[in-house]
């Protein structure tokens, strides 16, 4: 069975990194919502959760520009997720629990571990 041309290791690693980044952003977003932060606080906490580890990695490896600066689309995706989640949670009157924070965090850790291996 032949795989499509677009399916290669580089694209698979990018997909793993994207999914893990989104999972960590969601984890930070839910945690900020649990603490009842305003829109700016939610965006900052979600951004720190999503890009904090990669920024530390880039600083330790002396890589410039940082991942999130080089691929600025991720900052816009994060802001879109933040606005969407806040509107959704407010409309549904959802109150996030600790378990709602742990699931995306565990998924992000697992995906980044698999990506690193």
PDB file of N, CA and C in Angstrom:
ATOM      1  N   UNK A   1       0.831  -1.176   0.000  1.00  0.00           N
ATOM      2  CA  UNK A   1       0.000   0.000   0.000  1.00  0.00           C
ATOM      3  C   UNK A   1       0.882   1.248   0.000  1.00  0.00           C
ATOM      4  N   UNK A   2       0.667   2.121  -0.940  1.00  0.00           N
ATOM      5  CA  UNK A   2       1.453   3.334  -1.077  1.00  0.00           C
ATOM      6  C   UNK A   2       0.789   4.487  -0.334  1.00  0.00           C
ATOM      7  N   UNK A   3       1.586   5.210   0.437  1.00  0.00           N
ATOM      8  CA  UNK A   3       1.078   6.371   1.168  1.00  0.00           C
ATOM      9  C   UNK A   3       1.045   7.589   0.248  1.00  0.00           C
ATOM     10  N   UNK A   4       0.158   8.532   0.517  1.00  0.00           N
ATOM     11  CA  UNK A   4       0.112   9.751  -0.300  1.00  0.00           C
ATOM     12  C   UNK A   4       1.414  10.539  -0.205  1.00  0.00           C
ATOM     13  N   UNK A   5       1.680  11.399  -1.177  1.00  0.00           N
ATOM     14  CA  UNK A   5       2.924  12.171  -1.218  1.00  0.00           C
ATOM     15  C   UNK A   5       3.055  13.142  -0.047  1.00  0.00           C
ATOM     16  N   UNK A   6       1.929  13.689   0.426  1.00  0.00           N
ATOM     17  CA  UNK A   6       1.987  14.679   1.493  1.00  0.00           C
ATOM     18  C   UNK A   6       2.270  14.046   2.846  1.00  0.00           C
ATOM     19  N   UNK A   7       2.126  12.716   2.947  1.00  0.00           N
ATOM     20  CA  UNK A   7       2.329  12.038   4.233  1.00  0.00           C
ATOM     21  C   UNK A   7       3.793  11.649   4.361  1.00  0.00           C
ATOM     22  N   UNK A   8       4.549  12.445   5.132  1.00  0.00           N
ATOM     23  CA  UNK A   8       5.950  12.120   5.400  1.00  0.00           C
ATOM     24  C   UNK A   8       6.248  12.421   6.871  1.00  0.00           C
ATOM     25  N   UNK A   9       7.446  12.126   7.292  1.00  0.00           N
ATOM     26  CA  UNK A   9       7.810  12.271   8.703  1.00  0.00           C
ATOM     27  C   UNK A   9       7.751  13.728   9.157  1.00  0.00           C
ATOM     28  N   UNK A  10       8.174  14.635   8.313  1.00  0.00           N
ATOM     29  CA  UNK A  10       8.163  16.050   8.676  1.00  0.00           C
ATOM     30  C   UNK A  10       6.736  16.538   8.937  1.00  0.00           C
ATOM     31  N   UNK A  11       5.802  16.166   8.083  1.00  0.00           N
ATOM     32  CA  UNK A  11       4.407  16.572   8.282  1.00  0.00           C
ATOM     33  C   UNK A  11       3.803  15.900   9.508  1.00  0.00           C
ATOM     34  N   UNK A  12       4.179  14.660   9.768  1.00  0.00           N
ATOM     35  CA  UNK A  12       3.664  13.966  10.954  1.00  0.00           C
ATOM     36  C   UNK A  12       4.171  14.630  12.236  1.00  0.00           C
ATOM     37  N   UNK A  13       5.455  15.006  12.265  1.00  0.00           N
ATOM     38  CA  UNK A  13       5.997  15.679  13.445  1.00  0.00           C
ATOM     39  C   UNK A  13       5.362  17.052  13.647  1.00  0.00           C
ATOM     40  N   UNK A  14       5.104  17.759  12.559  1.00  0.00           N
ATOM     41  CA  UNK A  14       4.435  19.050  12.661  1.00  0.00           C
ATOM     42  C   UNK A  14       3.020  18.880  13.206  1.00  0.00           C
ATOM     43  N   UNK A  15       2.331  17.835  12.763  1.00  0.00           N
ATOM     44  CA  UNK A  15       0.980  17.568  13.256  1.00  0.00           C
ATOM     45  C   UNK A  15       0.997  17.223  14.751  1.00  0.00           C
ATOM     46  N   UNK A  16       1.979  16.436  15.195  1.00  0.00           N
ATOM     47  CA  UNK A  16       2.105  16.106  16.618  1.00  0.00           C
ATOM     48  C   UNK A  16       2.348  17.376  17.427  1.00  0.00           C
ATOM     49  N   UNK A  17       3.249  18.226  16.954  1.00  0.00           N
ATOM     50  CA  UNK A  17       3.567  19.454  17.680  1.00  0.00           C
ATOM     51  C   UNK A  17       2.369  20.400  17.722  1.00  0.00           C
ATOM     52  N   UNK A  18       1.644  20.492  16.631  1.00  0.00           N
ATOM     53  CA  UNK A  18       0.456  21.352  16.591  1.00  0.00           C
ATOM     54  C   UNK A  18      -0.612  20.845  17.544  1.00  0.00           C
ATOM     55  N   UNK A  19      -0.866  19.545  17.538  1.00  0.00           N
ATOM     56  CA  UNK A  19      -1.884  18.977  18.430  1.00  0.00           C
ATOM     57  C   UNK A  19      -1.494  19.157  19.895  1.00  0.00           C
ATOM     58  N   UNK A  20      -0.213  18.971  20.213  1.00  0.00           N
ATOM     59  CA  UNK A  20       0.246  19.134  21.591  1.00  0.00           C
ATOM     60  C   UNK A  20       0.153  20.593  22.025  1.00  0.00           C
ATOM     61  N   UNK A  21       0.505  21.514  21.142  1.00  0.00           N
ATOM     62  CA  UNK A  21       0.422  22.940  21.466  1.00  0.00           C
ATOM     63  C   UNK A  21      -1.022  23.350  21.721  1.00  0.00           C
ATOM     64  N   UNK A  22      -1.931  22.863  20.892  1.00  0.00           N
ATOM     65  CA  UNK A  22      -3.351  23.171  21.079  1.00  0.00           C
ATOM     66  C   UNK A  22      -3.866  22.557  22.378  1.00  0.00           C
ATOM     67  N   UNK A  23      -3.403  21.341  22.699  1.00  0.00           N
ATOM     68  CA  UNK A  23      -3.833  20.697  23.947  1.00  0.00           C
ATOM     69  C   UNK A  23      -3.364  21.497  25.156  1.00  0.00           C
ATOM     70  N   UNK A  24      -2.113  21.968  25.139  1.00  0.00           N
ATOM     71  CA  UNK A  24      -1.619  22.770  26.259  1.00  0.00           C
ATOM     72  C   UNK A  24      -2.320  24.119  26.330  1.00  0.00           C
ATOM     73  N   UNK A  25      -2.623  24.719  25.177  1.00  0.00           N
ATOM     74  CA  UNK A  25      -3.368  25.979  25.177  1.00  0.00           C
ATOM     75  C   UNK A  25      -4.743  25.777  25.800  1.00  0.00           C
ATOM     76  N   UNK A  26      -5.379  24.671  25.461  1.00  0.00           N
ATOM     77  CA  UNK A  26      -6.691  24.363  26.030  1.00  0.00           C
ATOM     78  C   UNK A  26      -6.595  24.134  27.535  1.00  0.00           C
ATOM     79  N   UNK A  27      -5.530  23.493  27.963  1.00  0.00           N
ATOM     80  CA  UNK A  27      -5.311  23.273  29.393  1.00  0.00           C
ATOM     81  C   UNK A  27      -5.172  24.604  30.136  1.00  0.00           C
ATOM     82  N   UNK A  28      -4.363  25.505  29.604  1.00  0.00           N
ATOM     83  CA  UNK A  28      -4.208  26.818  30.222  1.00  0.00           C
ATOM     84  C   UNK A  28      -5.488  27.631  30.179  1.00  0.00           C
ATOM     85  N   UNK A  29      -6.212  27.498  29.091  1.00  0.00           N
ATOM     86  CA  UNK A  29      -7.473  28.213  28.935  1.00  0.00           C
ATOM     87  C   UNK A  29      -8.490  27.769  29.983  1.00  0.00           C
ATOM     88  N   UNK A  30      -8.604  26.477  30.184  1.00  0.00           N
ATOM     89  CA  UNK A  30      -9.558  25.956  31.167  1.00  0.00           C
ATOM     90  C   UNK A  30      -9.147  26.352  32.588  1.00  0.00           C
ATOM     91  N   UNK A  31      -7.850  26.303  32.855  1.00  0.00           N
ATOM     92  CA  UNK A  31      -7.383  26.679  34.191  1.00  0.00           C
ATOM     93  C   UNK A  31      -7.640  28.162  34.460  1.00  0.00           C
ATOM     94  N   UNK A  32      -7.404  29.006  33.472  1.00  0.00           N
ATOM     95  CA  UNK A  32      -7.680  30.438  33.646  1.00  0.00           C
ATOM     96  C   UNK A  32      -9.175  30.687  33.825  1.00  0.00           C
ATOM     97  N   UNK A  33      -9.993  29.923  33.120  1.00  0.00           N
ATOM     98  CA  UNK A  33     -11.443  30.060  33.283  1.00  0.00           C
ATOM     99  C   UNK A  33     -11.878  29.603  34.673  1.00  0.00           C
ATOM    100  N   UNK A  34     -11.216  28.569  35.198  1.00  0.00           N
ATOM    101  CA  UNK A  34     -11.537  28.112  36.559  1.00  0.00           C
ATOM    102  C   UNK A  34     -11.238  29.193  37.581  1.00  0.00           C
ATOM    103  N   UNK A  35     -10.187  29.979  37.336  1.00  0.00           N
ATOM    104  CA  UNK A  35      -9.807  31.054  38.266  1.00  0.00           C
ATOM    105  C   UNK A  35     -10.586  32.336  38.001  1.00  0.00           C
ATOM    106  N   UNK A  36     -11.522  32.295  37.049  1.00  0.00           N
ATOM    107  CA  UNK A  36     -12.387  33.426  36.703  1.00  0.00           C
ATOM    108  C   UNK A  36     -11.592  34.661  36.289  1.00  0.00           C
ATOM    109  N   UNK A  37     -10.600  34.460  35.431  1.00  0.00           N
ATOM    110  CA  UNK A  37      -9.803  35.574  34.928  1.00  0.00           C
ATOM    111  C   UNK A  37     -10.555  36.302  33.815  1.00  0.00           C
ATOM    112  N   UNK A  38     -10.133  37.523  33.549  1.00  0.00           N
ATOM    113  CA  UNK A  38     -10.729  38.278  32.456  1.00  0.00           C
ATOM    114  C   UNK A  38     -10.122  37.808  31.128  1.00  0.00           C
ATOM    115  N   UNK A  39     -10.515  38.445  30.026  1.00  0.00           N
ATOM    116  CA  UNK A  39     -10.089  38.004  28.693  1.00  0.00           C
ATOM    117  C   UNK A  39      -8.577  38.072  28.518  1.00  0.00           C
ATOM    118  N   UNK A  40      -7.966  39.115  29.023  1.00  0.00           N
ATOM    119  CA  UNK A  40      -6.518  39.250  28.887  1.00  0.00           C
ATOM    120  C   UNK A  40      -5.804  38.173  29.710  1.00  0.00           C
ATOM    121  N   UNK A  41      -6.267  37.933  30.912  1.00  0.00           N
ATOM    122  CA  UNK A  41      -5.667  36.890  31.742  1.00  0.00           C
ATOM    123  C   UNK A  41      -5.793  35.516  31.132  1.00  0.00           C
ATOM    124  N   UNK A  42      -6.950  35.232  30.559  1.00  0.00           N
ATOM    125  CA  UNK A  42      -7.148  33.934  29.910  1.00  0.00           C
ATOM    126  C   UNK A  42      -6.188  33.778  28.736  1.00  0.00           C
ATOM    127  N   UNK A  43      -6.046  34.824  27.924  1.00  0.00           N
ATOM    128  CA  UNK A  43      -5.146  34.755  26.769  1.00  0.00           C
ATOM    129  C   UNK A  43      -3.693  34.591  27.211  1.00  0.00           C
ATOM    130  N   UNK A  44      -3.287  35.291  28.263  1.00  0.00           N
ATOM    131  CA  UNK A  44      -1.905  35.196  28.741  1.00  0.00           C
ATOM    132  C   UNK A  44      -1.617  33.814  29.315  1.00  0.00           C
ATOM    133  N   UNK A  45      -2.515  33.289  30.143  1.00  0.00           N
ATOM    134  CA  UNK A  45      -2.292  31.963  30.743  1.00  0.00           C
ATOM    135  C   UNK A  45      -2.299  30.876  29.661  1.00  0.00           C
ATOM    136  N   UNK A  46      -3.214  30.974  28.718  1.00  0.00           N
ATOM    137  CA  UNK A  46      -3.244  29.997  27.625  1.00  0.00           C
ATOM    138  C   UNK A  46      -1.974  30.094  26.782  1.00  0.00           C
ATOM    139  N   UNK A  47      -1.497  31.310  26.540  1.00  0.00           N
ATOM    140  CA  UNK A  47      -0.258  31.492  25.776  1.00  0.00           C
ATOM    141  C   UNK A  47       0.953  30.946  26.505  1.00  0.00           C
ATOM    142  N   UNK A  48       1.018  31.176  27.813  1.00  0.00           N
ATOM    143  CA  UNK A  48       2.135  30.634  28.594  1.00  0.00           C
ATOM    144  C   UNK A  48       2.120  29.107  28.599  1.00  0.00           C
ATOM    145  N   UNK A  49       0.941  28.546  28.736  1.00  0.00           N
ATOM    146  CA  UNK A  49       0.844  27.083  28.738  1.00  0.00           C
ATOM    147  C   UNK A  49       1.201  26.512  27.367  1.00  0.00           C
ATOM    148  N   UNK A  50       0.780  27.192  26.310  1.00  0.00           N
ATOM    149  CA  UNK A  50       1.005  26.678  24.960  1.00  0.00           C
ATOM    150  C   UNK A  50       2.450  26.863  24.513  1.00  0.00           C
ATOM    151  N   UNK A  51       3.024  28.033  24.772  1.00  0.00           N
ATOM    152  CA  UNK A  51       4.330  28.367  24.200  1.00  0.00           C
ATOM    153  C   UNK A  51       5.464  28.401  25.213  1.00  0.00           C
ATOM    154  N   UNK A  52       5.170  28.226  26.492  1.00  0.00           N
ATOM    155  CA  UNK A  52       6.204  28.330  27.521  1.00  0.00           C
ATOM    156  C   UNK A  52       7.311  27.303  27.383  1.00  0.00           C
ATOM    157  N   UNK A  53       6.939  26.050  27.220  1.00  0.00           N
ATOM    158  CA  UNK A  53       7.945  24.989  27.105  1.00  0.00           C
ATOM    159  C   UNK A  53       8.791  25.133  25.859  1.00  0.00           C
ATOM    160  N   UNK A  54       8.164  25.477  24.741  1.00  0.00           N
ATOM    161  CA  UNK A  54       8.908  25.666  23.495  1.00  0.00           C
ATOM    162  C   UNK A  54       9.835  26.859  23.555  1.00  0.00           C
ATOM    163  N   UNK A  55       9.416  27.902  24.273  1.00  0.00           N
ATOM    164  CA  UNK A  55      10.272  29.078  24.419  1.00  0.00           C
ATOM    165  C   UNK A  55      11.488  28.749  25.271  1.00  0.00           C
ATOM    166  N   UNK A  56      11.291  28.012  26.349  1.00  0.00           N
ATOM    167  CA  UNK A  56      12.424  27.585  27.182  1.00  0.00           C
ATOM    168  C   UNK A  56      13.369  26.707  26.367  1.00  0.00           C
ATOM    169  N   UNK A  57      12.811  25.790  25.569  1.00  0.00           N
ATOM    170  CA  UNK A  57      13.627  24.942  24.701  1.00  0.00           C
ATOM    171  C   UNK A  57      14.455  25.797  23.747  1.00  0.00           C
ATOM    172  N   UNK A  58      13.815  26.787  23.119  1.00  0.00           N
ATOM    173  CA  UNK A  58      14.517  27.636  22.160  1.00  0.00           C
ATOM    174  C   UNK A  58      15.594  28.480  22.833  1.00  0.00           C
ATOM    175  N   UNK A  59      15.354  28.936  24.063  1.00  0.00           N
ATOM    176  CA  UNK A  59      16.366  29.705  24.792  1.00  0.00           C
ATOM    177  C   UNK A  59      17.556  28.809  25.121  1.00  0.00           C
ATOM    178  N   UNK A  60      17.287  27.593  25.613  1.00  0.00           N
ATOM    179  CA  UNK A  60      18.382  26.684  25.985  1.00  0.00           C
ATOM    180  C   UNK A  60      19.194  26.238  24.773  1.00  0.00           C
ATOM    181  N   UNK A  61      18.541  26.070  23.630  1.00  0.00           N
ATOM    182  CA  UNK A  61      19.240  25.659  22.410  1.00  0.00           C
ATOM    183  C   UNK A  61      19.758  26.853  21.609  1.00  0.00           C
ATOM    184  N   UNK A  62      19.513  28.071  22.112  1.00  0.00           N
ATOM    185  CA  UNK A  62      19.926  29.309  21.459  1.00  0.00           C
ATOM    186  C   UNK A  62      19.397  29.392  20.028  1.00  0.00           C
ATOM    187  N   UNK A  63      18.127  29.068  19.879  1.00  0.00           N
ATOM    188  CA  UNK A  63      17.458  29.151  18.573  1.00  0.00           C
ATOM    189  C   UNK A  63      16.726  30.470  18.468  1.00  0.00           C
ATOM    190  N   UNK A  64      16.956  31.176  17.398  1.00  0.00           N
ATOM    191  CA  UNK A  64      16.249  32.422  17.136  1.00  0.00           C
ATOM    192  C   UNK A  64      15.749  32.387  15.713  1.00  0.00           C
ATOM    193  N   UNK A  65      14.609  32.905  15.390  1.00  0.00           N
ATOM    194  CA  UNK A  65      13.587  33.418  16.293  1.00  0.00           C
ATOM    195  C   UNK A  65      12.877  32.272  16.998  1.00  0.00           C
ATOM    196  N   UNK A  66      12.180  32.610  18.078  1.00  0.00           N
ATOM    197  CA  UNK A  66      11.417  31.601  18.803  1.00  0.00           C
ATOM    198  C   UNK A  66      10.372  30.977  17.890  1.00  0.00           C
ATOM    199  N   UNK A  67       9.929  29.774  18.237  1.00  0.00           N
ATOM    200  CA  UNK A  67       8.957  29.043  17.431  1.00  0.00           C
ATOM    201  C   UNK A  67       7.702  29.870  17.182  1.00  0.00           C
ATOM    202  N   UNK A  68       7.174  30.471  18.225  1.00  0.00           N
ATOM    203  CA  UNK A  68       5.913  31.204  18.090  1.00  0.00           C
ATOM    204  C   UNK A  68       6.097  32.538  17.390  1.00  0.00           C
ATOM    205  N   UNK A  69       7.311  33.039  17.314  1.00  0.00           N
ATOM    206  CA  UNK A  69       7.572  34.255  16.537  1.00  0.00           C
ATOM    207  C   UNK A  69       7.732  33.898  15.066  1.00  0.00           C
ATOM    208  N   UNK A  70       8.413  32.809  14.802  1.00  0.00           N
ATOM    209  CA  UNK A  70       8.634  32.361  13.417  1.00  0.00           C
ATOM    210  C   UNK A  70       7.325  31.945  12.757  1.00  0.00           C
ATOM    211  N   UNK A  71       6.457  31.298  13.518  1.00  0.00           N
ATOM    212  CA  UNK A  71       5.157  30.847  13.016  1.00  0.00           C
ATOM    213  C   UNK A  71       4.063  31.636  13.740  1.00  0.00           C
ATOM    214  N   UNK A  72       3.894  32.887  13.365  1.00  0.00           N
ATOM    215  CA  UNK A  72       2.971  33.792  14.063  1.00  0.00           C
ATOM    216  C   UNK A  72       1.517  33.347  13.954  1.00  0.00           C
ATOM    217  N   UNK A  73       1.214  32.470  13.019  1.00  0.00           N
ATOM    218  CA  UNK A  73      -0.169  31.991  12.886  1.00  0.00           C
ATOM    219  C   UNK A  73      -0.638  31.330  14.178  1.00  0.00           C
ATOM    220  N   UNK A  74       0.286  30.736  14.950  1.00  0.00           N
ATOM    221  CA  UNK A  74      -0.097  30.065  16.196  1.00  0.00           C
ATOM    222  C   UNK A  74      -0.604  31.050  17.232  1.00  0.00           C
ATOM    223  N   UNK A  75      -0.071  32.266  17.225  1.00  0.00           N
ATOM    224  CA  UNK A  75      -0.565  33.288  18.159  1.00  0.00           C
ATOM    225  C   UNK A  75      -2.007  33.636  17.803  1.00  0.00           C
ATOM    226  N   UNK A  76      -2.303  33.749  16.510  1.00  0.00           N
ATOM    227  CA  UNK A  76      -3.674  34.051  16.081  1.00  0.00           C
ATOM    228  C   UNK A  76      -4.616  32.891  16.372  1.00  0.00           C
ATOM    229  N   UNK A  77      -4.137  31.663  16.201  1.00  0.00           N
ATOM    230  CA  UNK A  77      -4.957  30.495  16.535  1.00  0.00           C
ATOM    231  C   UNK A  77      -5.270  30.499  18.032  1.00  0.00           C
ATOM    232  N   UNK A  78      -4.274  30.814  18.845  1.00  0.00           N
ATOM    233  CA  UNK A  78      -4.474  30.877  20.291  1.00  0.00           C
ATOM    234  C   UNK A  78      -5.502  31.938  20.661  1.00  0.00           C
ATOM    235  N   UNK A  79      -5.391  33.116  20.075  1.00  0.00           N
ATOM    236  CA  UNK A  79      -6.357  34.177  20.375  1.00  0.00           C
ATOM    237  C   UNK A  79      -7.760  33.792  19.915  1.00  0.00           C
ATOM    238  N   UNK A  80      -7.869  33.156  18.758  1.00  0.00           N
ATOM    239  CA  UNK A  80      -9.173  32.682  18.286  1.00  0.00           C
ATOM    240  C   UNK A  80      -9.770  31.638  19.210  1.00  0.00           C
ATOM    241  N   UNK A  81      -8.925  30.704  19.672  1.00  0.00           N
ATOM    242  CA  UNK A  81      -9.394  29.691  20.630  1.00  0.00           C
ATOM    243  C   UNK A  81      -9.875  30.344  21.922  1.00  0.00           C
ATOM    244  N   UNK A  82      -9.139  31.338  22.374  1.00  0.00           N
ATOM    245  CA  UNK A  82      -9.488  32.013  23.622  1.00  0.00           C
ATOM    246  C   UNK A  82     -10.855  32.689  23.516  1.00  0.00           C
ATOM    247  N   UNK A  83     -11.054  33.449  22.452  1.00  0.00           N
ATOM    248  CA  UNK A  83     -12.333  34.148  22.282  1.00  0.00           C
ATOM    249  C   UNK A  83     -13.473  33.155  22.119  1.00  0.00           C
ATOM    250  N   UNK A  84     -13.261  32.129  21.290  1.00  0.00           N
ATOM    251  CA  UNK A  84     -14.300  31.123  21.068  1.00  0.00           C
ATOM    252  C   UNK A  84     -14.657  30.397  22.358  1.00  0.00           C
ATOM    253  N   UNK A  85     -13.649  29.977  23.108  1.00  0.00           N
ATOM    254  CA  UNK A  85     -13.913  29.243  24.347  1.00  0.00           C
ATOM    255  C   UNK A  85     -14.623  30.112  25.376  1.00  0.00           C
ATOM    256  N   UNK A  86     -14.223  31.363  25.469  1.00  0.00           N
ATOM    257  CA  UNK A  86     -14.872  32.232  26.451  1.00  0.00           C
ATOM    258  C   UNK A  86     -16.339  32.464  26.090  1.00  0.00           C
ATOM    259  N   UNK A  87     -16.614  32.682  24.801  1.00  0.00           N
ATOM    260  CA  UNK A  87     -18.005  32.858  24.384  1.00  0.00           C
ATOM    261  C   UNK A  87     -18.818  31.589  24.585  1.00  0.00           C
ATOM    262  N   UNK A  88     -18.216  30.439  24.271  1.00  0.00           N
ATOM    263  CA  UNK A  88     -18.902  29.157  24.418  1.00  0.00           C
ATOM    264  C   UNK A  88     -19.192  28.859  25.881  1.00  0.00           C
ATOM    265  N   UNK A  89     -18.200  29.064  26.740  1.00  0.00           N
ATOM    266  CA  UNK A  89     -18.385  28.767  28.162  1.00  0.00           C
ATOM    267  C   UNK A  89     -19.411  29.706  28.792  1.00  0.00           C
ATOM    268  N   UNK A  90     -19.406  30.953  28.378  1.00  0.00           N
ATOM    269  CA  UNK A  90     -20.360  31.910  28.934  1.00  0.00           C
ATOM    270  C   UNK A  90     -21.773  31.593  28.451  1.00  0.00           C
ATOM    271  N   UNK A  91     -21.917  31.217  27.164  1.00  0.00           N
ATOM    272  CA  UNK A  91     -23.240  30.922  26.611  1.00  0.00           C
ATOM    273  C   UNK A  91     -23.822  29.650  27.220  1.00  0.00           C
ATOM    274  N   UNK A  92     -22.980  28.682  27.500  1.00  0.00           N
ATOM    275  CA  UNK A  92     -23.433  27.407  28.051  1.00  0.00           C
ATOM    276  C   UNK A  92     -23.436  27.396  29.574  1.00  0.00           C
ATOM    277  N   UNK A  93     -22.956  28.459  30.193  1.00  0.00           N
ATOM    278  CA  UNK A  93     -22.850  28.544  31.649  1.00  0.00           C
ATOM    279  C   UNK A  93     -22.063  27.363  32.208  1.00  0.00           C
ATOM    280  N   UNK A  94     -20.946  27.078  31.553  1.00  0.00           N
ATOM    281  CA  UNK A  94     -20.099  25.957  31.975  1.00  0.00           C
ATOM    282  C   UNK A  94     -19.159  26.414  33.080  1.00  0.00           C
ATOM    283  N   UNK A  95     -18.920  25.527  34.014  1.00  0.00           N
ATOM    284  CA  UNK A  95     -17.971  25.773  35.079  1.00  0.00           C
ATOM    285  C   UNK A  95     -16.922  24.665  35.012  1.00  0.00           C
ATOM    286  N   UNK A  96     -15.723  24.973  34.505  1.00  0.00           N
ATOM    287  CA  UNK A  96     -14.702  23.944  34.338  1.00  0.00           C
ATOM    288  C   UNK A  96     -14.254  23.363  35.675  1.00  0.00           C
ATOM    289  N   UNK A  97     -13.953  22.092  35.647  1.00  0.00           N
ATOM    290  CA  UNK A  97     -13.491  21.389  36.838  1.00  0.00           C
ATOM    291  C   UNK A  97     -12.003  21.107  36.722  1.00  0.00           C
ATOM    292  N   UNK A  98     -11.418  20.605  37.795  1.00  0.00           N
ATOM    293  CA  UNK A  98     -10.006  20.245  37.768  1.00  0.00           C
ATOM    294  C   UNK A  98      -9.759  19.141  36.747  1.00  0.00           C
ATOM    295  N   UNK A  99     -10.669  18.211  36.632  1.00  0.00           N
ATOM    296  CA  UNK A  99     -10.522  17.108  35.670  1.00  0.00           C
ATOM    297  C   UNK A  99     -10.504  17.631  34.231  1.00  0.00           C
ATOM    298  N   UNK A 100     -11.261  18.696  33.963  1.00  0.00           N
ATOM    299  CA  UNK A 100     -11.274  19.295  32.626  1.00  0.00           C
ATOM    300  C   UNK A 100      -9.923  19.902  32.284  1.00  0.00           C
ATOM    301  N   UNK A 101      -9.139  20.272  33.282  1.00  0.00           N
ATOM    302  CA  UNK A 101      -7.794  20.786  33.055  1.00  0.00           C
ATOM    303  C   UNK A 101      -6.799  19.654  32.856  1.00  0.00           C
ATOM    304  N   UNK A 102      -6.983  18.551  33.559  1.00  0.00           N
ATOM    305  CA  UNK A 102      -6.016  17.463  33.524  1.00  0.00           C
ATOM    306  C   UNK A 102      -6.006  16.710  32.194  1.00  0.00           C
ATOM    307  N   UNK A 103      -7.155  16.553  31.551  1.00  0.00           N
ATOM    308  CA  UNK A 103      -7.200  15.804  30.296  1.00  0.00           C
ATOM    309  C   UNK A 103      -6.363  16.443  29.193  1.00  0.00           C
ATOM    310  N   UNK A 104      -6.573  17.730  28.859  1.00  0.00           N
ATOM    311  CA  UNK A 104      -5.738  18.305  27.805  1.00  0.00           C
ATOM    312  C   UNK A 104      -4.261  18.366  28.201  1.00  0.00           C
ATOM    313  N   UNK A 105      -3.989  18.545  29.487  1.00  0.00           N
ATOM    314  CA  UNK A 105      -2.605  18.575  29.946  1.00  0.00           C
ATOM    315  C   UNK A 105      -1.938  17.221  29.720  1.00  0.00           C
ATOM    316  N   UNK A 106      -2.619  16.158  30.053  1.00  0.00           N
ATOM    317  CA  UNK A 106      -2.071  14.810  29.845  1.00  0.00           C
ATOM    318  C   UNK A 106      -1.895  14.508  28.356  1.00  0.00           C
ATOM    319  N   UNK A 107      -2.833  14.930  27.543  1.00  0.00           N
ATOM    320  CA  UNK A 107      -2.719  14.709  26.095  1.00  0.00           C
ATOM    321  C   UNK A 107      -1.524  15.482  25.543  1.00  0.00           C
ATOM    322  N   UNK A 108      -1.352  16.730  25.965  1.00  0.00           N
ATOM    323  CA  UNK A 108      -0.215  17.521  25.506  1.00  0.00           C
ATOM    324  C   UNK A 108       1.114  16.911  25.923  1.00  0.00           C
ATOM    325  N   UNK A 109       1.197  16.447  27.174  1.00  0.00           N
ATOM    326  CA  UNK A 109       2.438  15.803  27.637  1.00  0.00           C
ATOM    327  C   UNK A 109       2.730  14.546  26.833  1.00  0.00           C
ATOM    328  N   UNK A 110       1.703  13.744  26.590  1.00  0.00           N
ATOM    329  CA  UNK A 110       1.908  12.516  25.819  1.00  0.00           C
ATOM    330  C   UNK A 110       2.338  12.796  24.397  1.00  0.00           C
ATOM    331  N   UNK A 111       1.718  13.781  23.759  1.00  0.00           N
ATOM    332  CA  UNK A 111       2.080  14.096  22.381  1.00  0.00           C
ATOM    333  C   UNK A 111       3.486  14.677  22.279  1.00  0.00           C
ATOM    334  N   UNK A 112       3.854  15.564  23.193  1.00  0.00           N
ATOM    335  CA  UNK A 112       5.221  16.107  23.161  1.00  0.00           C
ATOM    336  C   UNK A 112       6.248  15.040  23.495  1.00  0.00           C
ATOM    337  N   UNK A 113       5.910  14.093  24.365  1.00  0.00           N
ATOM    338  CA  UNK A 113       6.834  12.985  24.660  1.00  0.00           C
ATOM    339  C   UNK A 113       7.036  12.124  23.433  1.00  0.00           C
ATOM    340  N   UNK A 114       5.943  11.807  22.737  1.00  0.00           N
ATOM    341  CA  UNK A 114       6.058  11.021  21.514  1.00  0.00           C
ATOM    342  C   UNK A 114       6.809  11.794  20.432  1.00  0.00           C
ATOM    343  N   UNK A 115       6.583  13.082  20.356  1.00  0.00           N
ATOM    344  CA  UNK A 115       7.272  13.918  19.379  1.00  0.00           C
ATOM    345  C   UNK A 115       8.768  13.948  19.658  1.00  0.00           C
ATOM    346  N   UNK A 116       9.139  14.047  20.931  1.00  0.00           N
ATOM    347  CA  UNK A 116      10.557  14.096  21.295  1.00  0.00           C
ATOM    348  C   UNK A 116      11.291  12.791  21.072  1.00  0.00           C
ATOM    349  N   UNK A 117      10.584  11.688  21.208  1.00  0.00           N
ATOM    350  CA  UNK A 117      11.210  10.385  21.017  1.00  0.00           C
ATOM    351  C   UNK A 117      11.463  10.164  19.549  1.00  0.00           C
TER     352      UNK A 117
END
